[in-house]
mmCIF file of all heavy atoms, coordinates in Angstrom:
data_MODEL
# 
_entry.id   MODEL 
# 
loop_
_atom_site.group_PDB 
_atom_site.id 
_atom_site.type_symbol 
_atom_site.label_atom_id 
_atom_site.label_alt_id 
_atom_site.label_comp_id 
_atom_site.label_asym_id 
_atom_site.label_entity_id 
_atom_site.label_seq_id 
_atom_site.pdbx_PDB_ins_code 
_atom_site.Cartn_x 
_atom_site.Cartn_y 
_atom_site.Cartn_z 
_atom_site.occupancy 
_atom_site.B_iso_or_equiv 
_atom_site.pdbx_formal_charge 
_atom_site.auth_seq_id 
_atom_site.auth_comp_id 
_atom_site.auth_asym_id 
_atom_site.auth_atom_id 
_atom_site.pdbx_PDB_model_num 
ATOM 1   N N   . ALA A 1 1  ? 58.342 158.746 145.845 1.00 0.00 ? 1  ALA A N   1 
ATOM 2   C CA  . ALA A 1 1  ? 58.642 157.326 145.661 1.00 0.00 ? 1  ALA A CA  1 
ATOM 3   C C   . ALA A 1 1  ? 58.269 156.493 146.880 1.00 0.00 ? 1  ALA A C   1 
ATOM 4   O O   . ALA A 1 1  ? 57.762 155.378 146.762 1.00 0.00 ? 1  ALA A O   1 
ATOM 5   C CB  . ALA A 1 1  ? 60.124 157.139 145.341 1.00 0.00 ? 1  ALA A CB  1 
ATOM 6   N N   . GLY A 1 2  ? 58.525 157.007 148.075 1.00 0.00 ? 2  GLY A N   1 
ATOM 7   C CA  . GLY A 1 2  ? 58.191 156.247 149.277 1.00 0.00 ? 2  GLY A CA  1 
ATOM 8   C C   . GLY A 1 2  ? 56.704 155.986 149.384 1.00 0.00 ? 2  GLY A C   1 
ATOM 9   O O   . GLY A 1 2  ? 56.274 154.883 149.710 1.00 0.00 ? 2  GLY A O   1 
ATOM 10  N N   . ASP A 1 3  ? 55.903 156.993 149.091 1.00 0.00 ? 3  ASP A N   1 
ATOM 11  C CA  . ASP A 1 3  ? 54.458 156.814 149.120 1.00 0.00 ? 3  ASP A CA  1 
ATOM 12  C C   . ASP A 1 3  ? 54.021 155.792 148.080 1.00 0.00 ? 3  ASP A C   1 
ATOM 13  O O   . ASP A 1 3  ? 53.128 154.976 148.326 1.00 0.00 ? 3  ASP A O   1 
ATOM 14  C CB  . ASP A 1 3  ? 53.758 158.147 148.849 1.00 0.00 ? 3  ASP A CB  1 
ATOM 15  C CG  . ASP A 1 3  ? 53.937 159.120 150.001 1.00 0.00 ? 3  ASP A CG  1 
ATOM 16  O OD1 . ASP A 1 3  ? 54.278 158.665 151.111 1.00 0.00 ? 3  ASP A OD1 1 
ATOM 17  O OD2 . ASP A 1 3  ? 53.747 160.332 149.775 1.00 0.00 ? 3  ASP A OD2 1 
ATOM 18  N N   . ALA A 1 4  ? 54.643 155.844 146.912 1.00 0.00 ? 4  ALA A N   1 
ATOM 19  C CA  . ALA A 1 4  ? 54.272 154.907 145.851 1.00 0.00 ? 4  ALA A CA  1 
ATOM 20  C C   . ALA A 1 4  ? 54.595 153.474 146.268 1.00 0.00 ? 4  ALA A C   1 
ATOM 21  O O   . ALA A 1 4  ? 53.814 152.552 146.017 1.00 0.00 ? 4  ALA A O   1 
ATOM 22  C CB  . ALA A 1 4  ? 55.018 155.260 144.562 1.00 0.00 ? 4  ALA A CB  1 
ATOM 23  N N   . ALA A 1 5  ? 55.741 153.269 146.902 1.00 0.00 ? 5  ALA A N   1 
ATOM 24  C CA  . ALA A 1 5  ? 56.111 151.926 147.344 1.00 0.00 ? 5  ALA A CA  1 
ATOM 25  C C   . ALA A 1 5  ? 55.124 151.404 148.383 1.00 0.00 ? 5  ALA A C   1 
ATOM 26  O O   . ALA A 1 5  ? 54.721 150.237 148.349 1.00 0.00 ? 5  ALA A O   1 
ATOM 27  C CB  . ALA A 1 5  ? 57.525 151.942 147.917 1.00 0.00 ? 5  ALA A CB  1 
ATOM 28  N N   . ARG A 1 6  ? 54.717 152.260 149.291 1.00 0.00 ? 6  ARG A N   1 
ATOM 29  C CA  . ARG A 1 6  ? 53.765 151.843 150.314 1.00 0.00 ? 6  ARG A CA  1 
ATOM 30  C C   . ARG A 1 6  ? 52.420 151.494 149.684 1.00 0.00 ? 6  ARG A C   1 
ATOM 31  O O   . ARG A 1 6  ? 51.790 150.492 150.016 1.00 0.00 ? 6  ARG A O   1 
ATOM 32  C CB  . ARG A 1 6  ? 53.589 152.960 151.336 1.00 0.00 ? 6  ARG A CB  1 
ATOM 33  C CG  . ARG A 1 6  ? 52.641 152.604 152.471 1.00 0.00 ? 6  ARG A CG  1 
ATOM 34  C CD  . ARG A 1 6  ? 52.538 153.721 153.489 1.00 0.00 ? 6  ARG A CD  1 
ATOM 35  N NE  . ARG A 1 6  ? 51.941 154.926 152.905 1.00 0.00 ? 6  ARG A NE  1 
ATOM 36  C CZ  . ARG A 1 6  ? 52.620 156.043 152.683 1.00 0.00 ? 6  ARG A CZ  1 
ATOM 37  N NH1 . ARG A 1 6  ? 53.900 156.126 153.004 1.00 0.00 ? 6  ARG A NH1 1 
ATOM 38  N NH2 . ARG A 1 6  ? 52.022 157.095 152.150 1.00 0.00 ? 6  ARG A NH2 1 
ATOM 39  N N   . ASP A 1 7  ? 51.995 152.318 148.726 1.00 0.00 ? 7  ASP A N   1 
ATOM 40  C CA  . ASP A 1 7  ? 50.724 152.044 148.055 1.00 0.00 ? 7  ASP A CA  1 
ATOM 41  C C   . ASP A 1 7  ? 50.783 150.738 147.276 1.00 0.00 ? 7  ASP A C   1 
ATOM 42  O O   . ASP A 1 7  ? 49.806 149.980 147.232 1.00 0.00 ? 7  ASP A O   1 
ATOM 43  C CB  . ASP A 1 7  ? 50.379 153.191 147.103 1.00 0.00 ? 7  ASP A CB  1 
ATOM 44  C CG  . ASP A 1 7  ? 50.040 154.478 147.861 1.00 0.00 ? 7  ASP A CG  1 
ATOM 45  O OD1 . ASP A 1 7  ? 49.810 154.396 149.081 1.00 0.00 ? 7  ASP A OD1 1 
ATOM 46  O OD2 . ASP A 1 7  ? 50.048 155.543 147.224 1.00 0.00 ? 7  ASP A OD2 1 
ATOM 47  N N   . ALA A 1 8  ? 51.931 150.460 146.658 1.00 0.00 ? 8  ALA A N   1 
ATOM 48  C CA  . ALA A 1 8  ? 52.079 149.216 145.898 1.00 0.00 ? 8  ALA A CA  1 
ATOM 49  C C   . ALA A 1 8  ? 51.996 148.009 146.823 1.00 0.00 ? 8  ALA A C   1 
ATOM 50  O O   . ALA A 1 8  ? 51.392 146.980 146.485 1.00 0.00 ? 8  ALA A O   1 
ATOM 51  C CB  . ALA A 1 8  ? 53.407 149.208 145.149 1.00 0.00 ? 8  ALA A CB  1 
ATOM 52  N N   . ALA A 1 9  ? 52.610 148.102 148.003 1.00 0.00 ? 9  ALA A N   1 
ATOM 53  C CA  . ALA A 1 9  ? 52.556 146.994 148.955 1.00 0.00 ? 9  ALA A CA  1 
ATOM 54  C C   . ALA A 1 9  ? 51.124 146.745 149.415 1.00 0.00 ? 9  ALA A C   1 
ATOM 55  O O   . ALA A 1 9  ? 50.679 145.601 149.542 1.00 0.00 ? 9  ALA A O   1 
ATOM 56  C CB  . ALA A 1 9  ? 53.458 147.286 150.152 1.00 0.00 ? 9  ALA A CB  1 
ATOM 57  N N   . TRP A 1 10 ? 50.378 147.816 149.640 1.00 0.00 ? 10 TRP A N   1 
ATOM 58  C CA  . TRP A 1 10 ? 48.982 147.673 150.036 1.00 0.00 ? 10 TRP A CA  1 
ATOM 59  C C   . TRP A 1 10 ? 48.167 147.024 148.920 1.00 0.00 ? 10 TRP A C   1 
ATOM 60  O O   . TRP A 1 10 ? 47.353 146.137 149.163 1.00 0.00 ? 10 TRP A O   1 
ATOM 61  C CB  . TRP A 1 10 ? 48.407 149.045 150.365 1.00 0.00 ? 10 TRP A CB  1 
ATOM 62  C CG  . TRP A 1 10 ? 46.950 148.995 150.731 1.00 0.00 ? 10 TRP A CG  1 
ATOM 63  C CD1 . TRP A 1 10 ? 46.403 148.705 151.945 1.00 0.00 ? 10 TRP A CD1 1 
ATOM 64  C CD2 . TRP A 1 10 ? 45.846 149.216 149.839 1.00 0.00 ? 10 TRP A CD2 1 
ATOM 65  N NE1 . TRP A 1 10 ? 45.024 148.743 151.870 1.00 0.00 ? 10 TRP A NE1 1 
ATOM 66  C CE2 . TRP A 1 10 ? 44.663 149.051 150.586 1.00 0.00 ? 10 TRP A CE2 1 
ATOM 67  C CE3 . TRP A 1 10 ? 45.744 149.548 148.488 1.00 0.00 ? 10 TRP A CE3 1 
ATOM 68  C CZ2 . TRP A 1 10 ? 43.389 149.205 150.037 1.00 0.00 ? 10 TRP A CZ2 1 
ATOM 69  C CZ3 . TRP A 1 10 ? 44.487 149.698 147.936 1.00 0.00 ? 10 TRP A CZ3 1 
ATOM 70  C CH2 . TRP A 1 10 ? 43.326 149.523 148.702 1.00 0.00 ? 10 TRP A CH2 1 
ATOM 71  N N   . ALA A 1 11 ? 48.417 147.445 147.686 1.00 0.00 ? 11 ALA A N   1 
ATOM 72  C CA  . ALA A 1 11 ? 47.668 146.895 146.557 1.00 0.00 ? 11 ALA A CA  1 
ATOM 73  C C   . ALA A 1 11 ? 47.931 145.411 146.397 1.00 0.00 ? 11 ALA A C   1 
ATOM 74  O O   . ALA A 1 11 ? 47.033 144.631 146.060 1.00 0.00 ? 11 ALA A O   1 
ATOM 75  C CB  . ALA A 1 11 ? 48.041 147.637 145.276 1.00 0.00 ? 11 ALA A CB  1 
ATOM 76  N N   . ALA A 1 12 ? 49.169 144.984 146.654 1.00 0.00 ? 12 ALA A N   1 
ATOM 77  C CA  . ALA A 1 12 ? 49.510 143.568 146.496 1.00 0.00 ? 12 ALA A CA  1 
ATOM 78  C C   . ALA A 1 12 ? 48.777 142.696 147.496 1.00 0.00 ? 12 ALA A C   1 
ATOM 79  O O   . ALA A 1 12 ? 48.624 141.480 147.277 1.00 0.00 ? 12 ALA A O   1 
ATOM 80  C CB  . ALA A 1 12 ? 51.018 143.386 146.662 1.00 0.00 ? 12 ALA A CB  1 
ATOM 81  N N   . ALA A 1 13 ? 48.320 143.285 148.603 1.00 0.00 ? 13 ALA A N   1 
ATOM 82  C CA  . ALA A 1 13 ? 47.641 142.508 149.632 1.00 0.00 ? 13 ALA A CA  1 
ATOM 83  C C   . ALA A 1 13 ? 46.154 142.309 149.362 1.00 0.00 ? 13 ALA A C   1 
ATOM 84  O O   . ALA A 1 13 ? 45.480 141.593 150.095 1.00 0.00 ? 13 ALA A O   1 
ATOM 85  C CB  . ALA A 1 13 ? 47.833 143.194 150.992 1.00 0.00 ? 13 ALA A CB  1 
ATOM 86  N N   . ARG A 1 14 ? 45.650 142.921 148.331 1.00 0.00 ? 14 ARG A N   1 
ATOM 87  C CA  . ARG A 1 14 ? 44.218 142.796 148.056 1.00 0.00 ? 14 ARG A CA  1 
ATOM 88  C C   . ARG A 1 14 ? 43.879 141.406 147.546 1.00 0.00 ? 14 ARG A C   1 
ATOM 89  O O   . ARG A 1 14 ? 44.732 140.687 147.009 1.00 0.00 ? 14 ARG A O   1 
ATOM 90  C CB  . ARG A 1 14 ? 43.797 143.857 147.035 1.00 0.00 ? 14 ARG A CB  1 
ATOM 91  C CG  . ARG A 1 14 ? 43.791 145.248 147.627 1.00 0.00 ? 14 ARG A CG  1 
ATOM 92  C CD  . ARG A 1 14 ? 43.281 146.270 146.665 1.00 0.00 ? 14 ARG A CD  1 
ATOM 93  N NE  . ARG A 1 14 ? 44.161 146.387 145.509 1.00 0.00 ? 14 ARG A NE  1 
ATOM 94  C CZ  . ARG A 1 14 ? 43.943 147.226 144.507 1.00 0.00 ? 14 ARG A CZ  1 
ATOM 95  N NH1 . ARG A 1 14 ? 42.880 147.985 144.507 1.00 0.00 ? 14 ARG A NH1 1 
ATOM 96  N NH2 . ARG A 1 14 ? 44.790 147.292 143.502 1.00 0.00 ? 14 ARG A NH2 1 
ATOM 97  N N   . ASP A 1 15 ? 42.615 141.003 147.677 1.00 0.00 ? 15 ASP A N   1 
ATOM 98  C CA  . ASP A 1 15 ? 42.216 139.663 147.245 1.00 0.00 ? 15 ASP A CA  1 
ATOM 99  C C   . ASP A 1 15 ? 42.142 139.581 145.729 1.00 0.00 ? 15 ASP A C   1 
ATOM 100 O O   . ASP A 1 15 ? 42.165 140.584 145.029 1.00 0.00 ? 15 ASP A O   1 
ATOM 101 C CB  . ASP A 1 15 ? 40.883 139.250 147.884 1.00 0.00 ? 15 ASP A CB  1 
ATOM 102 C CG  . ASP A 1 15 ? 39.750 140.186 147.508 1.00 0.00 ? 15 ASP A CG  1 
ATOM 103 O OD1 . ASP A 1 15 ? 39.640 140.562 146.333 1.00 0.00 ? 15 ASP A OD1 1 
ATOM 104 O OD2 . ASP A 1 15 ? 38.972 140.549 148.405 1.00 0.00 ? 15 ASP A OD2 1 
ATOM 105 N N   . ALA A 1 16 ? 41.994 138.343 145.226 1.00 0.00 ? 16 ALA A N   1 
ATOM 106 C CA  . ALA A 1 16 ? 42.032 138.109 143.780 1.00 0.00 ? 16 ALA A CA  1 
ATOM 107 C C   . ALA A 1 16 ? 40.889 138.817 143.068 1.00 0.00 ? 16 ALA A C   1 
ATOM 108 O O   . ALA A 1 16 ? 41.063 139.358 141.978 1.00 0.00 ? 16 ALA A O   1 
ATOM 109 C CB  . ALA A 1 16 ? 41.992 136.613 143.492 1.00 0.00 ? 16 ALA A CB  1 
ATOM 110 N N   . ALA A 1 17 ? 39.719 138.823 143.660 1.00 0.00 ? 17 ALA A N   1 
ATOM 111 C CA  . ALA A 1 17 ? 38.581 139.468 143.016 1.00 0.00 ? 17 ALA A CA  1 
ATOM 112 C C   . ALA A 1 17 ? 38.834 140.960 142.840 1.00 0.00 ? 17 ALA A C   1 
ATOM 113 O O   . ALA A 1 17 ? 38.512 141.542 141.799 1.00 0.00 ? 17 ALA A O   1 
ATOM 114 C CB  . ALA A 1 17 ? 37.315 139.247 143.829 1.00 0.00 ? 17 ALA A CB  1 
ATOM 115 N N   . GLY A 1 18 ? 39.427 141.552 143.862 1.00 0.00 ? 18 GLY A N   1 
ATOM 116 C CA  . GLY A 1 18 ? 39.754 142.966 143.756 1.00 0.00 ? 18 GLY A CA  1 
ATOM 117 C C   . GLY A 1 18 ? 40.761 143.221 142.667 1.00 0.00 ? 18 GLY A C   1 
ATOM 118 O O   . GLY A 1 18 ? 40.677 144.207 141.942 1.00 0.00 ? 18 GLY A O   1 
ATOM 119 N N   . ASP A 1 19 ? 41.750 142.342 142.539 1.00 0.00 ? 19 ASP A N   1 
ATOM 120 C CA  . ASP A 1 19 ? 42.760 142.490 141.503 1.00 0.00 ? 19 ASP A CA  1 
ATOM 121 C C   . ASP A 1 19 ? 42.146 142.402 140.116 1.00 0.00 ? 19 ASP A C   1 
ATOM 122 O O   . ASP A 1 19 ? 42.520 143.142 139.211 1.00 0.00 ? 19 ASP A O   1 
ATOM 123 C CB  . ASP A 1 19 ? 43.839 141.413 141.656 1.00 0.00 ? 19 ASP A CB  1 
ATOM 124 C CG  . ASP A 1 19 ? 44.727 141.660 142.869 1.00 0.00 ? 19 ASP A CG  1 
ATOM 125 O OD1 . ASP A 1 19 ? 44.717 142.797 143.376 1.00 0.00 ? 19 ASP A OD1 1 
ATOM 126 O OD2 . ASP A 1 19 ? 45.409 140.719 143.298 1.00 0.00 ? 19 ASP A OD2 1 
ATOM 127 N N   . VAL A 1 20 ? 41.209 141.485 139.929 1.00 0.00 ? 20 VAL A N   1 
ATOM 128 C CA  . VAL A 1 20 ? 40.564 141.341 138.629 1.00 0.00 ? 20 VAL A CA  1 
ATOM 129 C C   . VAL A 1 20 ? 39.810 142.619 138.274 1.00 0.00 ? 20 VAL A C   1 
ATOM 130 O O   . VAL A 1 20 ? 39.895 143.131 137.149 1.00 0.00 ? 20 VAL A O   1 
ATOM 131 C CB  . VAL A 1 20 ? 39.612 140.127 138.626 1.00 0.00 ? 20 VAL A CB  1 
ATOM 132 C CG1 . VAL A 1 20 ? 38.754 140.131 137.372 1.00 0.00 ? 20 VAL A CG1 1 
ATOM 133 C CG2 . VAL A 1 20 ? 40.410 138.833 138.716 1.00 0.00 ? 20 VAL A CG2 1 
ATOM 134 N N   . ALA A 1 21 ? 39.076 143.147 139.237 1.00 0.00 ? 21 ALA A N   1 
ATOM 135 C CA  . ALA A 1 21 ? 38.328 144.379 138.986 1.00 0.00 ? 21 ALA A CA  1 
ATOM 136 C C   . ALA A 1 21 ? 39.271 145.530 138.677 1.00 0.00 ? 21 ALA A C   1 
ATOM 137 O O   . ALA A 1 21 ? 39.021 146.330 137.776 1.00 0.00 ? 21 ALA A O   1 
ATOM 138 C CB  . ALA A 1 21 ? 37.465 144.705 140.201 1.00 0.00 ? 21 ALA A CB  1 
ATOM 139 N N   . ARG A 1 22 ? 40.355 145.596 139.432 1.00 0.00 ? 22 ARG A N   1 
ATOM 140 C CA  . ARG A 1 22 ? 41.333 146.660 139.196 1.00 0.00 ? 22 ARG A CA  1 
ATOM 141 C C   . ARG A 1 22 ? 41.942 146.545 137.814 1.00 0.00 ? 22 ARG A C   1 
ATOM 142 O O   . ARG A 1 22 ? 42.080 147.522 137.089 1.00 0.00 ? 22 ARG A O   1 
ATOM 143 C CB  . ARG A 1 22 ? 42.451 146.592 140.243 1.00 0.00 ? 22 ARG A CB  1 
ATOM 144 C CG  . ARG A 1 22 ? 43.535 147.634 140.077 1.00 0.00 ? 22 ARG A CG  1 
ATOM 145 C CD  . ARG A 1 22 ? 44.807 147.197 140.757 1.00 0.00 ? 22 ARG A CD  1 
ATOM 146 N NE  . ARG A 1 22 ? 45.291 145.958 140.165 1.00 0.00 ? 22 ARG A NE  1 
ATOM 147 C CZ  . ARG A 1 22 ? 46.127 145.128 140.780 1.00 0.00 ? 22 ARG A CZ  1 
ATOM 148 N NH1 . ARG A 1 22 ? 46.535 145.380 142.002 1.00 0.00 ? 22 ARG A NH1 1 
ATOM 149 N NH2 . ARG A 1 22 ? 46.542 144.033 140.174 1.00 0.00 ? 22 ARG A NH2 1 
ATOM 150 N N   . ASP A 1 23 ? 42.313 145.311 137.433 1.00 0.00 ? 23 ASP A N   1 
ATOM 151 C CA  . ASP A 1 23 ? 42.938 145.116 136.123 1.00 0.00 ? 23 ASP A CA  1 
ATOM 152 C C   . ASP A 1 23 ? 41.989 145.495 134.996 1.00 0.00 ? 23 ASP A C   1 
ATOM 153 O O   . ASP A 1 23 ? 42.407 146.068 133.989 1.00 0.00 ? 23 ASP A O   1 
ATOM 154 C CB  . ASP A 1 23 ? 43.389 143.664 135.970 1.00 0.00 ? 23 ASP A CB  1 
ATOM 155 C CG  . ASP A 1 23 ? 44.552 143.321 136.893 1.00 0.00 ? 23 ASP A CG  1 
ATOM 156 O OD1 . ASP A 1 23 ? 45.161 144.258 137.451 1.00 0.00 ? 23 ASP A OD1 1 
ATOM 157 O OD2 . ASP A 1 23 ? 44.831 142.123 137.075 1.00 0.00 ? 23 ASP A OD2 1 
ATOM 158 N N   . ALA A 1 24 ? 40.720 145.178 135.146 1.00 0.00 ? 24 ALA A N   1 
ATOM 159 C CA  . ALA A 1 24 ? 39.747 145.537 134.118 1.00 0.00 ? 24 ALA A CA  1 
ATOM 160 C C   . ALA A 1 24 ? 39.618 147.053 134.010 1.00 0.00 ? 24 ALA A C   1 
ATOM 161 O O   . ALA A 1 24 ? 39.539 147.607 132.913 1.00 0.00 ? 24 ALA A O   1 
ATOM 162 C CB  . ALA A 1 24 ? 38.393 144.909 134.443 1.00 0.00 ? 24 ALA A CB  1 
ATOM 163 N N   . ALA A 1 25 ? 39.611 147.715 135.168 1.00 0.00 ? 25 ALA A N   1 
ATOM 164 C CA  . ALA A 1 25 ? 39.510 149.176 135.152 1.00 0.00 ? 25 ALA A CA  1 
ATOM 165 C C   . ALA A 1 25 ? 40.737 149.800 134.516 1.00 0.00 ? 25 ALA A C   1 
ATOM 166 O O   . ALA A 1 25 ? 40.625 150.752 133.731 1.00 0.00 ? 25 ALA A O   1 
ATOM 167 C CB  . ALA A 1 25 ? 39.328 149.692 136.582 1.00 0.00 ? 25 ALA A CB  1 
ATOM 168 N N   . TRP A 1 26 ? 41.920 149.256 134.850 1.00 0.00 ? 26 TRP A N   1 
ATOM 169 C CA  . TRP A 1 26 ? 43.149 149.788 134.260 1.00 0.00 ? 26 TRP A CA  1 
ATOM 170 C C   . TRP A 1 26 ? 43.164 149.565 132.751 1.00 0.00 ? 26 TRP A C   1 
ATOM 171 O O   . TRP A 1 26 ? 43.595 150.432 131.992 1.00 0.00 ? 26 TRP A O   1 
ATOM 172 C CB  . TRP A 1 26 ? 44.372 149.126 134.895 1.00 0.00 ? 26 TRP A CB  1 
ATOM 173 C CG  . TRP A 1 26 ? 44.826 149.817 136.138 1.00 0.00 ? 26 TRP A CG  1 
ATOM 174 C CD1 . TRP A 1 26 ? 44.692 149.401 137.428 1.00 0.00 ? 26 TRP A CD1 1 
ATOM 175 C CD2 . TRP A 1 26 ? 45.506 151.073 136.211 1.00 0.00 ? 26 TRP A CD2 1 
ATOM 176 N NE1 . TRP A 1 26 ? 45.224 150.320 138.295 1.00 0.00 ? 26 TRP A NE1 1 
ATOM 177 C CE2 . TRP A 1 26 ? 45.732 151.349 137.587 1.00 0.00 ? 26 TRP A CE2 1 
ATOM 178 C CE3 . TRP A 1 26 ? 45.925 151.999 135.265 1.00 0.00 ? 26 TRP A CE3 1 
ATOM 179 C CZ2 . TRP A 1 26 ? 46.369 152.519 138.012 1.00 0.00 ? 26 TRP A CZ2 1 
ATOM 180 C CZ3 . TRP A 1 26 ? 46.560 153.164 135.689 1.00 0.00 ? 26 TRP A CZ3 1 
ATOM 181 C CH2 . TRP A 1 26 ? 46.779 153.410 137.052 1.00 0.00 ? 26 TRP A CH2 1 
# 
């Protein structure tokens, strides 16, 4: 769980373009 929380915090810091690409992949 601790690793997952850290990874989630890192993911939230990504730029909008990265988020769009990630969402499409998901």
